[in-house]
């Protein structure tokens, strides 16, 4: 028995030395475990359930030891340490509170500033006002705050320039306002502590000399005004329908300003209220392409109820341009956060030669999109079939009759609106209507007498200007001189052209051979002789054979 006790004591000492600090041991009570941690020499004991130990990967199976007498003791195995991870640090809020005014539990106004360089949505933010240990949540409007811009929230009817209004249940006015917090779950809350000696003034946050908000969160009393206007609200889907799109216009002469020579889109307001086009921008091309200067057109103007218009220029007056290659058109809000489908199918094959000068238009009769003749001056689209090309074998079809208020142009063979005569506004007192320009002109301007010409001048009947008499055409012209004549076109002197060359002023003299010419002949003869000698040397054998054949005596005839 003494030997067993000694062995048990040695085993317990070995296990206690090997177990780390904070180890988990399973007790014999079945469903609990004990956490023992030794920090600073103090022992802390905490019960853990069996389920907790299983989630931590801790085995609760005890170890069994048998002694010599067969007695079994259960000892838990060593357990791993428990590691606690710290939460990640949240980023600073891009929206900050820059001004406030409160009277007890009455919050009059709050000013919020977007301290970033991009648009910030208010979705997910919560504004909380605390006064007298009571929390008052404030509903934020739906929208975005423009970069480096302000948004103001005010108590109802206390501001005419606020971007949003609210009404809170007013508590005890005697209590002190404590703090205002702008919070979102994924960022650090922007919290403003209201000082205990606050007197109810409009407090403004510290700004640097450069006009920027820094990490200095000091507030001080300032001007009794808040800034607003930075809230951007997404516009509703417009009641706009596309009637016609010209993406591949015909070639026109330089200076021709007719709309069918340029890209344009014809739209109509199908709603019951005017549509402000400046809230939108027109996109063209492919839907998966990013916005660029070549596929984005910023609009302007208002289209009235049931009205239609042609968009051929952007808000800056530049011509619109559409990619003539299987694209489409749609609308977006002016910042591109939301898209609005206009129901225009892709104009497939618009870059083909056969579609040059034709528009992609909607046919209300057929209920489909078809290629048509551009008609920028009329709301109705022109689906007249074009005459077949040379050699195609097709014949021109009948033209659709024009409406009662239209006539057919002899130049383009298209229907044009008959110009309605307008009543001219009567000229003001002291004016008369010019017969040439049909515009009003001042009577004093027409009645002014012309200034008399000088004694040496006369008045030109063509230009009505004074001209010197000396420059008149009736003055005798000076003689051009010998060998010159007067040009009948320019009345200027010029040299007389001669077709026969003048005779020489000296006789023809013979040219005598000089000594150098005589030597030249000798040199030429020597070169020729050397060439003949060299040829005779080169062909000496051939010349010998030919000579022998010529001078060989003839054979005797037998």
Protein backbone atom coordinates (compact mmCIF):
# COMPACT_ATOMS: atom_id res chain seq x y z
CA UNK A 1 0.00 0.00 0.00
CA UNK A 2 2.86 2.39 0.79
CA UNK A 3 4.39 1.63 -2.58
CA UNK A 4 1.08 2.49 -4.32
CA UNK A 5 0.77 5.82 -2.50
CA UNK A 6 4.35 6.66 -3.39
CA UNK A 7 3.80 5.87 -7.08
CA UNK A 8 0.57 7.91 -7.14
CA UNK A 9 2.30 10.90 -5.59
CA UNK A 10 5.12 10.74 -8.14
CA UNK A 11 2.64 10.50 -11.02
CA UNK A 12 0.59 13.49 -9.78
CA UNK A 13 3.79 15.57 -9.48
CA UNK A 14 4.83 14.67 -13.03
CA UNK A 15 1.39 15.52 -14.48
CA UNK A 16 1.16 18.82 -12.61
CA UNK A 17 4.58 19.90 -13.91
CA UNK A 18 3.76 18.95 -17.51
CA UNK A 19 0.30 20.68 -17.63
CA UNK A 20 0.46 24.31 -18.92
CA UNK A 21 -1.02 27.31 -17.16
CA UNK A 22 -4.74 27.74 -17.86
CA UNK A 23 -5.21 24.03 -18.75
CA UNK A 24 -8.68 22.53 -18.86
CA UNK A 25 -9.41 19.45 -16.82
CA UNK A 26 -12.54 17.34 -16.78
CA UNK A 27 -14.06 16.65 -13.43
CA UNK A 28 -15.69 13.44 -12.32
CA UNK A 29 -19.09 15.13 -12.07
CA UNK A 30 -19.77 14.25 -15.70
CA UNK A 31 -20.95 17.37 -17.52
CA UNK A 32 -18.55 20.07 -16.25
CA UNK A 33 -14.92 20.94 -16.66
CA UNK A 34 -12.70 23.22 -14.61
CA UNK A 35 -10.43 25.95 -16.03
CA UNK A 36 -7.46 26.71 -13.85
CA UNK A 37 -5.39 29.75 -14.72
CA UNK A 38 -2.49 31.07 -12.75
CA UNK A 39 -1.92 34.75 -13.53
CA UNK A 40 0.00 36.78 -11.06
CA UNK A 41 0.04 33.90 -8.63
CA UNK A 42 -3.73 33.92 -8.12
CA UNK A 43 -5.81 30.89 -9.05
CA UNK A 44 -9.05 31.43 -10.94
CA UNK A 45 -11.54 28.57 -11.38
CA UNK A 46 -14.34 28.62 -13.90
CA UNK A 47 -16.80 25.88 -14.85
CA UNK A 48 -17.20 24.93 -18.51
CA UNK A 49 -19.89 22.65 -19.86
CA UNK A 50 -19.02 19.49 -21.74
CA UNK A 51 -20.33 21.11 -24.95
CA UNK A 52 -17.88 24.01 -24.57
CA UNK A 53 -14.96 21.67 -24.13
CA UNK A 54 -15.98 19.73 -27.25
CA UNK A 55 -16.11 22.97 -29.33
CA UNK A 56 -12.64 23.83 -28.13
CA UNK A 57 -11.34 20.44 -29.20
CA UNK A 58 -10.76 19.34 -25.57
CA UNK A 59 -11.11 15.66 -24.82
CA UNK A 60 -13.18 14.84 -21.73
CA UNK A 61 -12.20 11.17 -21.69
CA UNK A 62 -10.41 10.48 -18.37
CA UNK A 63 -7.19 8.50 -18.07
CA UNK A 64 -7.42 5.27 -16.03
CA UNK A 65 -4.55 4.06 -13.79
CA UNK A 66 -4.53 0.66 -12.08
CA UNK A 67 -2.45 -0.09 -8.99
CA UNK A 68 -1.18 -3.46 -7.82
CA UNK A 69 -4.38 -4.22 -5.97
CA UNK A 70 -6.47 -3.58 -9.11
CA UNK A 71 -7.94 -0.28 -7.94
CA UNK A 72 -8.58 2.14 -10.83
CA UNK A 73 -8.21 5.96 -10.57
CA UNK A 74 -9.34 8.40 -13.30
CA UNK A 75 -7.01 11.32 -14.16
CA UNK A 76 -7.93 13.77 -16.97
CA UNK A 77 -5.44 14.23 -19.85
CA UNK A 78 -3.57 17.53 -20.48
CA UNK A 79 -5.65 20.13 -22.40
CA UNK A 80 -4.60 22.95 -24.88
CA UNK A 81 -4.65 26.68 -24.04
CA UNK A 82 -7.66 28.87 -24.94
CA UNK A 83 -6.70 31.84 -27.24
CA UNK A 84 -8.99 34.89 -27.44
CA UNK A 85 -8.74 37.01 -30.67
CA UNK A 86 -9.17 40.80 -30.53
CA UNK A 87 -11.77 42.39 -32.88
CA UNK A 88 -10.36 44.27 -35.92
CA UNK A 89 -10.01 48.03 -35.64
CA UNK A 90 -12.76 49.90 -37.50
CA UNK A 91 -11.96 52.76 -39.95
CA UNK A 92 -12.88 56.38 -39.27
CA UNK A 93 -16.22 57.65 -40.44
CA UNK A 94 -16.15 59.64 -43.74
CA UNK A 95 -19.23 61.56 -42.50
CA UNK A 96 -18.65 63.85 -39.51
CA UNK A 97 -20.77 66.20 -37.43
CA UNK A 98 -19.52 69.76 -37.92
CA UNK A 99 -22.20 71.88 -36.22
CA UNK A 100 -25.09 71.54 -33.76
CA UNK A 101 -27.51 73.56 -31.66
CA UNK A 102 -29.59 72.27 -28.74
CA UNK A 103 -31.66 73.57 -25.85
CA UNK A 104 -31.90 70.95 -23.19
CA UNK A 105 -33.60 67.94 -24.78
CA UNK A 106 -34.56 70.04 -27.83
CA UNK A 107 -32.06 69.52 -30.70
CA UNK A 108 -32.61 72.41 -33.12
CA UNK A 109 -30.16 71.56 -35.93
CA UNK A 110 -27.29 69.25 -36.89
CA UNK A 111 -24.81 69.81 -39.73
CA UNK A 112 -23.14 66.78 -41.35
CA UNK A 113 -20.11 67.01 -43.69
CA UNK A 114 -18.72 64.49 -46.21
CA UNK A 115 -15.00 64.57 -45.44
CA UNK A 116 -14.11 62.25 -48.36
CA UNK A 117 -13.59 62.78 -52.10
CA UNK A 118 -16.41 60.43 -53.20
CA UNK A 119 -20.16 60.32 -52.80
CA UNK A 120 -21.26 58.76 -49.50
CA UNK A 121 -24.66 57.04 -49.11
CA UNK A 122 -26.68 57.64 -45.93
CA UNK A 123 -27.96 54.09 -46.06
CA UNK A 124 -26.99 52.26 -42.84
CA UNK A 125 -26.20 55.40 -40.81
CA UNK A 126 -28.00 56.25 -37.55
CA UNK A 127 -28.03 59.64 -35.82
CA UNK A 128 -28.55 59.43 -32.05
CA UNK A 129 -29.09 62.37 -29.67
CA UNK A 130 -28.67 61.79 -25.92
CA UNK A 131 -30.05 64.21 -23.31
CA UNK A 132 -30.73 63.45 -19.65
CA UNK A 133 -29.72 59.81 -20.20
CA UNK A 134 -32.55 59.52 -22.75
CA UNK A 135 -31.73 58.45 -26.34
CA UNK A 136 -33.52 60.12 -29.24
CA UNK A 137 -32.89 58.47 -32.65
CA UNK A 138 -33.22 60.82 -35.65
CA UNK A 139 -34.38 59.49 -39.01
CA UNK A 140 -31.92 60.31 -41.81
CA UNK A 141 -33.18 61.05 -45.36
CA UNK A 142 -32.55 58.64 -48.21
CA UNK A 143 -29.80 59.78 -50.54
CA UNK A 144 -26.10 60.51 -50.93
CA UNK A 145 -23.91 63.36 -49.69
CA UNK A 146 -21.70 64.88 -52.35
CA UNK A 147 -17.93 64.94 -51.71
CA UNK A 148 -16.74 67.90 -49.59
CA UNK A 149 -20.36 69.05 -49.14
CA UNK A 150 -22.72 69.72 -46.23
CA UNK A 151 -26.13 68.40 -45.30
CA UNK A 152 -28.32 70.03 -42.64
CA UNK A 153 -31.03 68.42 -40.50
CA UNK A 154 -33.35 70.68 -38.53
CA UNK A 155 -36.36 70.59 -36.27
CA UNK A 156 -39.55 70.84 -38.29
CA UNK A 157 -40.35 74.41 -39.42
CA UNK A 158 -37.16 75.81 -37.86
CA UNK A 159 -35.18 76.01 -41.12
CA UNK A 160 -36.11 76.65 -44.74
CA UNK A 161 -32.79 75.36 -46.14
CA UNK A 162 -32.61 72.01 -44.35
CA UNK A 163 -32.12 68.82 -46.36
CA UNK A 164 -34.22 66.88 -43.84
CA UNK A 165 -36.58 67.59 -40.93
CA UNK A 166 -37.47 65.70 -37.77
CA UNK A 167 -39.64 66.00 -34.65
CA UNK A 168 -38.61 64.29 -31.41
CA UNK A 169 -40.62 63.75 -28.22
CA UNK A 170 -39.38 66.65 -26.09
CA UNK A 171 -38.42 65.60 -22.62
CA UNK A 172 -37.55 67.76 -19.66
CA UNK A 173 -36.06 71.01 -20.96
CA UNK A 174 -34.17 71.38 -17.74
CA UNK A 175 -31.98 68.36 -18.47
CA UNK A 176 -28.64 68.88 -20.20
CA UNK A 177 -27.83 67.66 -23.69
CA UNK A 178 -25.04 65.09 -23.45
CA UNK A 179 -23.83 63.96 -26.89
CA UNK A 180 -24.69 63.41 -30.57
CA UNK A 181 -23.45 60.31 -32.44
CA UNK A 182 -23.39 59.40 -36.13
CA UNK A 183 -22.97 55.63 -36.33
CA UNK A 184 -22.71 52.74 -38.76
CA UNK A 185 -21.90 49.14 -37.94
CA UNK A 186 -18.70 48.89 -40.02
CA UNK A 187 -17.03 52.21 -39.04
CA UNK A 188 -16.08 54.07 -35.90
CA UNK A 189 -18.91 56.21 -34.54
CA UNK A 190 -18.46 59.95 -34.92
CA UNK A 191 -19.43 61.16 -31.46
CA UNK A 192 -19.65 64.79 -30.30
CA UNK A 193 -19.63 65.39 -26.54
CA UNK A 194 -21.70 68.45 -25.55
CA UNK A 195 -19.94 70.31 -22.72
CA UNK A 196 -21.65 70.71 -19.33
CA UNK A 197 -21.50 74.52 -19.55
CA UNK A 198 -23.10 74.63 -22.99
CA UNK A 199 -25.27 77.76 -23.36
CA UNK A 200 -27.39 76.72 -26.38
CA UNK A 201 -25.36 78.54 -29.06
CA UNK A 202 -24.76 77.14 -32.55
CA UNK A 203 -21.44 75.33 -32.17
CA UNK A 204 -19.05 74.83 -35.11
CA UNK A 205 -16.21 72.34 -35.35
CA UNK A 206 -12.62 73.57 -35.63
CA UNK A 207 -11.31 74.25 -39.14
CA UNK A 208 -7.68 74.70 -40.19
CA UNK A 209 -6.43 77.85 -41.87
CA UNK A 210 -6.72 75.99 -45.20
CA UNK A 211 -10.43 75.38 -44.58
CA UNK A 212 -10.11 71.63 -43.82
CA UNK A 213 -11.39 69.58 -40.91
CA UNK A 214 -8.55 67.94 -38.99
CA UNK A 215 -8.37 65.53 -36.08
CA UNK A 216 -9.06 68.49 -33.77
CA UNK A 217 -12.66 67.95 -32.60
CA UNK A 218 -12.96 71.19 -30.63
CA UNK A 219 -16.27 73.04 -31.04
CA UNK A 220 -16.83 76.74 -30.45
CA UNK A 221 -19.69 79.21 -30.92
CA UNK A 222 -19.87 80.73 -34.39
CA UNK A 223 -22.24 82.09 -37.01
CA UNK A 224 -25.88 81.29 -36.42
CA UNK A 225 -26.27 79.53 -39.80
CA UNK A 226 -25.73 75.98 -41.04
CA UNK A 227 -24.77 74.92 -44.56
CA UNK A 228 -26.90 72.56 -46.67
CA UNK A 229 -27.53 71.55 -50.27
CA UNK A 230 -25.09 68.65 -50.45
CA UNK A 231 -27.72 65.93 -50.33
CA UNK A 232 -28.16 64.08 -53.62
CA UNK A 233 -31.36 62.09 -54.09
CA UNK A 234 -31.63 59.59 -56.94
CA UNK A 235 -34.27 60.63 -59.48
CA UNK A 236 -37.26 58.47 -60.28
CA UNK A 237 -37.47 56.47 -63.48
CA UNK A 238 -38.52 58.95 -66.18
CA UNK A 239 -41.56 58.37 -68.39
CA UNK A 240 -39.44 58.63 -71.54
CA UNK A 241 -39.86 56.57 -74.71
CA UNK A 242 -37.39 56.48 -77.59
CA UNK A 243 -38.97 56.93 -81.02
CA UNK A 244 -35.92 56.97 -83.29
CA UNK A 245 -32.11 56.77 -83.21
CA UNK A 246 -29.79 57.78 -86.05
CA UNK A 247 -26.38 56.18 -85.52
CA UNK A 248 -24.91 56.04 -89.04
CA UNK A 249 -25.91 59.23 -90.90
CA UNK A 250 -25.20 59.89 -94.54
CA UNK A 251 -22.29 62.02 -95.71
CA UNK A 252 -23.19 65.65 -96.30
CA UNK A 253 -21.36 68.62 -97.72
CA UNK A 254 -19.35 70.78 -95.36
CA UNK A 255 -21.53 73.36 -93.67
CA UNK A 256 -24.79 71.47 -94.13
CA UNK A 257 -26.62 71.67 -90.80
CA UNK A 258 -29.62 69.39 -91.40
CA UNK A 259 -30.19 66.93 -88.58
CA UNK A 260 -30.13 63.85 -90.82
CA UNK A 261 -26.44 64.55 -91.44
CA UNK A 262 -25.57 63.94 -87.77
CA UNK A 263 -26.31 61.47 -84.98
CA UNK A 264 -29.48 62.20 -83.01
CA UNK A 265 -32.13 60.53 -80.83
CA UNK A 266 -35.84 61.32 -80.83
CA UNK A 267 -37.62 60.92 -77.47
CA UNK A 268 -41.15 61.50 -76.16
CA UNK A 269 -42.56 62.22 -72.69
CA UNK A 270 -45.27 59.63 -72.13
CA UNK A 271 -45.98 60.73 -68.53
CA UNK A 272 -48.34 63.29 -67.02
CA UNK A 273 -45.67 65.70 -65.75
CA UNK A 274 -42.69 67.52 -67.28
CA UNK A 275 -39.32 65.72 -67.13
CA UNK A 276 -36.14 67.63 -66.22
CA UNK A 277 -33.49 66.08 -68.46
CA UNK A 278 -30.64 67.68 -66.49
CA UNK A 279 -31.15 64.97 -63.83
CA UNK A 280 -30.09 62.29 -66.30
CA UNK A 281 -27.36 61.42 -68.75
CA UNK A 282 -27.62 59.44 -71.99
CA UNK A 283 -25.46 56.35 -72.45
CA UNK A 284 -24.85 54.51 -75.73
CA UNK A 285 -22.94 51.44 -76.84
CA UNK A 286 -22.66 48.32 -74.68
CA UNK A 287 -24.11 48.00 -71.17
CA UNK A 288 -20.92 46.43 -69.76
CA UNK A 289 -18.72 49.32 -70.91
CA UNK A 290 -17.58 52.00 -68.47
CA UNK A 291 -18.72 55.56 -68.87
CA UNK A 292 -16.44 57.75 -71.01
CA UNK A 293 -16.54 61.00 -72.96
CA UNK A 294 -17.33 59.09 -76.18
CA UNK A 295 -20.36 57.15 -74.91
CA UNK A 296 -21.87 59.51 -72.32
CA UNK A 297 -24.00 62.58 -73.10
CA UNK A 298 -25.09 64.96 -70.33
CA UNK A 299 -28.54 66.39 -71.07
CA UNK A 300 -30.31 69.66 -70.38
CA UNK A 301 -33.74 71.17 -70.85
CA UNK A 302 -37.28 70.11 -69.95
CA UNK A 303 -39.59 67.98 -72.06
CA UNK A 304 -43.24 68.78 -71.44
CA UNK A 305 -46.10 66.37 -70.94
CA UNK A 306 -46.84 64.40 -74.13
CA UNK A 307 -44.11 66.38 -75.90
CA UNK A 308 -41.27 65.12 -78.06
CA UNK A 309 -37.85 66.47 -78.94
CA UNK A 310 -34.66 65.72 -80.85
CA UNK A 311 -31.42 65.40 -78.85
CA UNK A 312 -28.56 66.23 -81.21
CA UNK A 313 -26.35 68.23 -78.78
CA UNK A 314 -25.26 67.79 -75.18
CA UNK A 315 -25.67 70.40 -72.44
CA UNK A 316 -22.45 72.11 -73.60
CA UNK A 317 -23.64 72.39 -77.22
CA UNK A 318 -21.44 69.61 -78.61
CA UNK A 319 -22.78 67.12 -81.15
CA UNK A 320 -23.81 63.74 -79.78
CA UNK A 321 -22.13 60.65 -81.21
CA UNK A 322 -23.31 57.04 -81.11
CA UNK A 323 -21.19 54.00 -81.93
CA UNK A 324 -22.55 52.51 -85.15
CA UNK A 325 -21.93 48.90 -84.22
CA UNK A 326 -24.67 46.76 -82.64
CA UNK A 327 -25.10 49.01 -79.57
CA UNK A 328 -28.12 50.45 -77.78
CA UNK A 329 -29.08 53.53 -75.73
CA UNK A 330 -30.30 53.99 -72.16
CA UNK A 331 -30.54 56.63 -69.41
CA UNK A 332 -28.67 56.94 -66.11
CA UNK A 333 -28.85 59.43 -63.28
CA UNK A 334 -26.34 62.24 -63.70
CA UNK A 335 -23.75 60.46 -61.49
CA UNK A 336 -24.30 56.99 -62.96
CA UNK A 337 -25.52 55.26 -59.78
CA UNK A 338 -28.69 53.83 -61.33
CA UNK A 339 -29.66 52.91 -64.92
CA UNK A 340 -33.05 53.23 -66.62
CA UNK A 341 -33.88 50.90 -69.50
CA UNK A 342 -35.53 52.63 -72.48
CA UNK A 343 -36.48 49.38 -74.21
CA UNK A 344 -34.33 49.98 -77.31
CA UNK A 345 -33.01 46.68 -78.74
CA UNK A 346 -29.45 46.69 -80.14
CA UNK A 347 -29.23 48.21 -83.60
CA UNK A 348 -27.47 45.20 -85.11
CA UNK A 349 -25.79 45.78 -88.47
CA UNK A 350 -25.95 49.56 -88.24
CA UNK A 351 -22.37 49.84 -89.49
CA UNK A 352 -23.15 48.06 -92.77
CA UNK A 353 -23.06 50.06 -96.00
CA UNK A 354 -26.72 49.27 -96.74
CA UNK A 355 -27.76 51.04 -93.49
CA UNK A 356 -25.86 54.26 -94.12
CA UNK A 357 -28.27 57.18 -93.77
CA UNK A 358 -31.02 55.06 -92.21
CA UNK A 359 -32.36 55.36 -88.66
CA UNK A 360 -33.36 52.73 -86.07
CA UNK A 361 -37.02 53.55 -85.33
CA UNK A 362 -40.04 52.07 -83.54
CA UNK A 363 -43.13 51.20 -85.57
CA UNK A 364 -46.35 51.54 -83.54
CA UNK A 365 -48.31 49.72 -86.25
CA UNK A 366 -46.05 46.66 -86.28
CA UNK A 367 -44.99 46.94 -82.63
CA UNK A 368 -41.35 46.34 -83.57
CA UNK A 369 -38.15 48.26 -84.28
CA UNK A 370 -37.28 48.67 -87.96
CA UNK A 371 -34.91 50.59 -90.21
CA UNK A 372 -36.49 53.79 -91.47
CA UNK A 373 -35.82 57.04 -93.30
CA UNK A 374 -34.61 59.69 -90.82
CA UNK A 375 -37.38 62.15 -89.91
CA UNK A 376 -36.00 64.54 -87.28
CA UNK A 377 -38.61 67.21 -88.04
CA UNK A 378 -41.66 65.01 -87.44
CA UNK A 379 -42.86 63.00 -84.47
CA UNK A 380 -44.01 60.17 -86.75
CA UNK A 381 -41.33 57.90 -88.20
CA UNK A 382 -40.98 57.37 -91.95
CA UNK A 383 -40.89 53.70 -92.93
CA UNK A 384 -41.11 54.31 -96.69
CA UNK A 385 -39.15 51.66 -98.57
CA UNK A 386 -36.11 53.12 -100.31
CA UNK A 387 -35.68 52.58 -104.06
CA UNK A 388 -33.60 49.58 -105.03
CA UNK A 389 -30.03 50.11 -106.11
CA UNK A 390 -28.86 49.84 -109.71
CA UNK A 391 -29.01 46.30 -111.00
CA UNK A 392 -30.99 45.00 -108.06
CA UNK A 393 -34.14 44.49 -110.14
CA UNK A 394 -36.37 46.15 -107.53
CA UNK A 395 -38.62 49.09 -108.37
CA UNK A 396 -39.48 52.13 -106.24
CA UNK A 397 -42.63 51.77 -104.17
CA UNK A 398 -45.37 54.32 -103.69
CA UNK A 399 -44.69 57.10 -101.23
CA UNK A 400 -46.81 57.47 -98.14
CA UNK A 401 -49.03 60.56 -98.54
CA UNK A 402 -48.07 63.54 -96.41
CA UNK A 403 -50.33 64.84 -93.69
CA UNK A 404 -52.59 67.84 -94.17
CA UNK A 405 -50.09 70.12 -92.45
CA UNK A 406 -47.19 68.86 -94.58
CA UNK A 407 -45.90 69.09 -98.15
CA UNK A 408 -43.43 66.94 -100.13
CA UNK A 409 -40.04 68.50 -100.71
CA UNK A 410 -38.95 68.46 -104.37
CA UNK A 411 -35.31 68.09 -103.35
CA UNK A 412 -35.48 65.29 -100.74
CA UNK A 413 -38.91 63.82 -101.64
CA UNK A 414 -39.80 63.89 -97.93
CA UNK A 415 -42.73 65.33 -96.06
CA UNK A 416 -42.03 68.67 -94.41
CA UNK A 417 -44.21 70.75 -92.13
CA UNK A 418 -45.91 73.70 -93.79
CA UNK A 419 -44.58 76.88 -92.25
CA UNK A 420 -47.33 78.80 -90.48
CA UNK A 421 -47.27 82.53 -91.08
CA UNK A 422 -46.56 84.37 -87.88
CA UNK A 423 -47.95 87.77 -86.95
CA UNK A 424 -45.19 90.33 -86.74
CA UNK A 425 -44.92 92.38 -83.58
CA UNK A 426 -45.50 96.07 -84.34
CA UNK A 427 -42.39 98.22 -84.23
CA UNK A 428 -41.91 100.59 -81.33
CA UNK A 429 -42.40 104.32 -81.57
CA UNK A 430 -39.53 105.90 -83.48
CA UNK A 431 -38.97 102.77 -85.63
CA UNK A 432 -40.07 101.51 -89.04
CA UNK A 433 -40.02 98.04 -90.71
CA UNK A 434 -37.30 97.48 -93.30
CA UNK A 435 -38.61 96.15 -96.64
CA UNK A 436 -35.40 94.16 -97.20
CA UNK A 437 -34.90 92.44 -93.81
CA UNK A 438 -38.46 92.79 -92.41
CA UNK A 439 -36.90 93.99 -89.15
CA UNK A 440 -37.55 97.10 -87.12
CA UNK A 441 -35.05 99.93 -87.60
CA UNK A 442 -34.72 103.33 -86.01
CA UNK A 443 -36.18 106.20 -88.05
CA UNK A 444 -33.39 108.49 -86.91
CA UNK A 445 -30.84 106.11 -88.42
CA UNK A 446 -32.53 106.15 -91.83
CA UNK A 447 -33.17 109.91 -91.81
CA UNK A 448 -29.58 110.90 -91.08
CA UNK A 449 -28.24 113.04 -93.96
CA UNK A 450 -25.04 111.94 -95.58
CA UNK A 451 -21.99 114.08 -94.95
CA UNK A 452 -21.18 116.17 -98.06
CA UNK A 453 -18.09 115.13 -100.02
CA UNK A 454 -15.08 117.46 -100.29
CA UNK A 455 -14.47 119.71 -103.31
CA UNK A 456 -12.00 117.23 -104.84
CA UNK A 457 -14.33 114.19 -104.25
CA UNK A 458 -17.53 112.76 -105.72
CA UNK A 459 -20.06 110.22 -104.33
CA UNK A 460 -19.83 106.70 -105.72
CA UNK A 461 -23.39 105.62 -106.67
CA UNK A 462 -22.57 101.93 -105.92
CA UNK A 463 -21.07 102.25 -102.45
CA UNK A 464 -22.50 105.68 -101.54
CA UNK A 465 -19.03 106.67 -100.36
CA UNK A 466 -16.88 109.67 -101.26
CA UNK A 467 -14.12 109.06 -103.79
CA UNK A 468 -11.37 111.36 -105.08
CA UNK A 469 -12.00 112.82 -108.51
CA UNK A 470 -8.36 112.25 -109.43
CA UNK A 471 -8.95 108.50 -109.17
CA UNK A 472 -11.81 108.58 -111.71
CA UNK A 473 -11.49 106.44 -114.83
CA UNK A 474 -11.92 109.44 -117.21
CA UNK A 475 -8.36 110.75 -116.60
CA UNK A 476 -6.01 110.20 -119.57
CA UNK A 477 -3.54 107.36 -118.98
CA UNK A 478 0.19 107.93 -119.51
CA UNK A 479 1.99 106.32 -122.47
CA UNK A 480 3.55 102.95 -121.61
CA UNK A 481 6.66 103.63 -123.71
CA UNK A 482 8.51 101.72 -126.44
CA UNK A 483 8.29 97.94 -126.26
CA UNK A 484 5.35 98.01 -123.78
CA UNK A 485 1.59 97.86 -124.17
CA UNK A 486 -1.49 98.38 -121.92
CA UNK A 487 -3.32 95.27 -120.66
CA UNK A 488 -7.02 95.64 -121.59
CA UNK A 489 -8.07 93.67 -118.48
CA UNK A 490 -6.02 95.37 -115.78
CA UNK A 491 -5.27 98.63 -117.64
CA UNK A 492 -1.65 98.24 -116.61
CA UNK A 493 1.53 98.45 -118.77
CA UNK A 494 3.30 95.25 -119.70
CA UNK A 495 6.12 94.17 -122.04
CA UNK A 496 5.19 93.33 -125.64
CA UNK A 497 5.56 89.64 -126.35
CA UNK A 498 7.74 88.87 -129.45
CA UNK A 499 7.27 85.70 -131.49
CA UNK A 500 10.35 86.24 -133.83
CA UNK A 501 13.79 86.24 -132.23
CA UNK A 502 15.74 89.46 -132.87
CA UNK A 503 18.56 89.49 -135.48
CA UNK A 504 22.13 89.16 -134.24
CA UNK A 505 24.19 92.34 -134.29
CA UNK A 506 27.34 90.57 -135.65
CA UNK A 507 28.23 88.27 -138.63
CA UNK A 508 28.92 84.54 -138.43
CA UNK A 509 32.61 83.85 -138.24
CA UNK A 510 34.38 80.54 -139.11
CA UNK A 511 36.02 78.56 -136.32
CA UNK A 512 39.65 77.48 -136.87
CA UNK A 513 41.11 74.23 -135.53
CA UNK A 514 43.50 74.73 -132.68
CA UNK A 515 46.59 72.70 -131.71
CA UNK A 516 44.64 70.89 -129.00
CA UNK A 517 42.14 69.64 -131.57
CA UNK A 518 45.00 68.25 -133.75
CA UNK A 519 46.52 66.34 -130.81
CA UNK A 520 43.11 64.92 -129.97
CA UNK A 521 42.80 63.30 -133.36
CA UNK A 522 46.23 61.63 -132.95
CA UNK A 523 45.23 60.28 -129.50
CA UNK A 524 41.97 58.88 -130.87
CA UNK A 525 43.83 57.16 -133.75
CA UNK A 526 46.35 55.59 -131.38
CA UNK A 527 43.61 54.19 -129.13
CA UNK A 528 41.83 52.69 -132.13
CA UNK A 529 45.06 51.12 -133.39
CA UNK A 530 45.80 49.61 -129.95
CA UNK A 531 42.30 48.12 -129.82
CA UNK A 532 42.76 46.50 -133.25
CA UNK A 533 46.15 45.08 -132.26
CA UNK A 534 44.81 43.66 -129.02
CA UNK A 535 41.93 41.99 -130.88
CA UNK A 536 44.33 40.50 -133.42
CA UNK A 537 46.45 39.04 -130.62
CA UNK A 538 43.48 37.55 -128.82
CA UNK A 539 42.06 35.92 -131.93
CA UNK A 540 45.32 35.07 -133.66
CA UNK A 541 44.65 31.33 -133.84
CA UNK A 542 41.19 31.79 -135.29
CA UNK A 543 42.50 34.30 -137.82
CA UNK A 544 45.31 31.84 -138.80
CA UNK A 545 42.89 28.99 -139.38
CA UNK A 546 40.67 31.13 -141.52
CA UNK A 547 43.69 32.37 -143.49
CA UNK A 548 44.99 28.85 -144.11
CA UNK A 549 41.63 27.71 -145.32
CA UNK A 550 41.41 30.61 -147.73
CA UNK A 551 44.92 30.28 -149.18
CA UNK A 552 45.14 26.42 -149.08
CA UNK A 553 45.82 25.09 -152.61
CA UNK A 554 42.86 23.28 -154.11
CA UNK A 555 42.81 19.54 -154.28
CA UNK A 556 43.48 17.97 -157.68
CA UNK A 557 40.53 16.54 -159.47
CA UNK A 558 40.92 12.96 -160.40
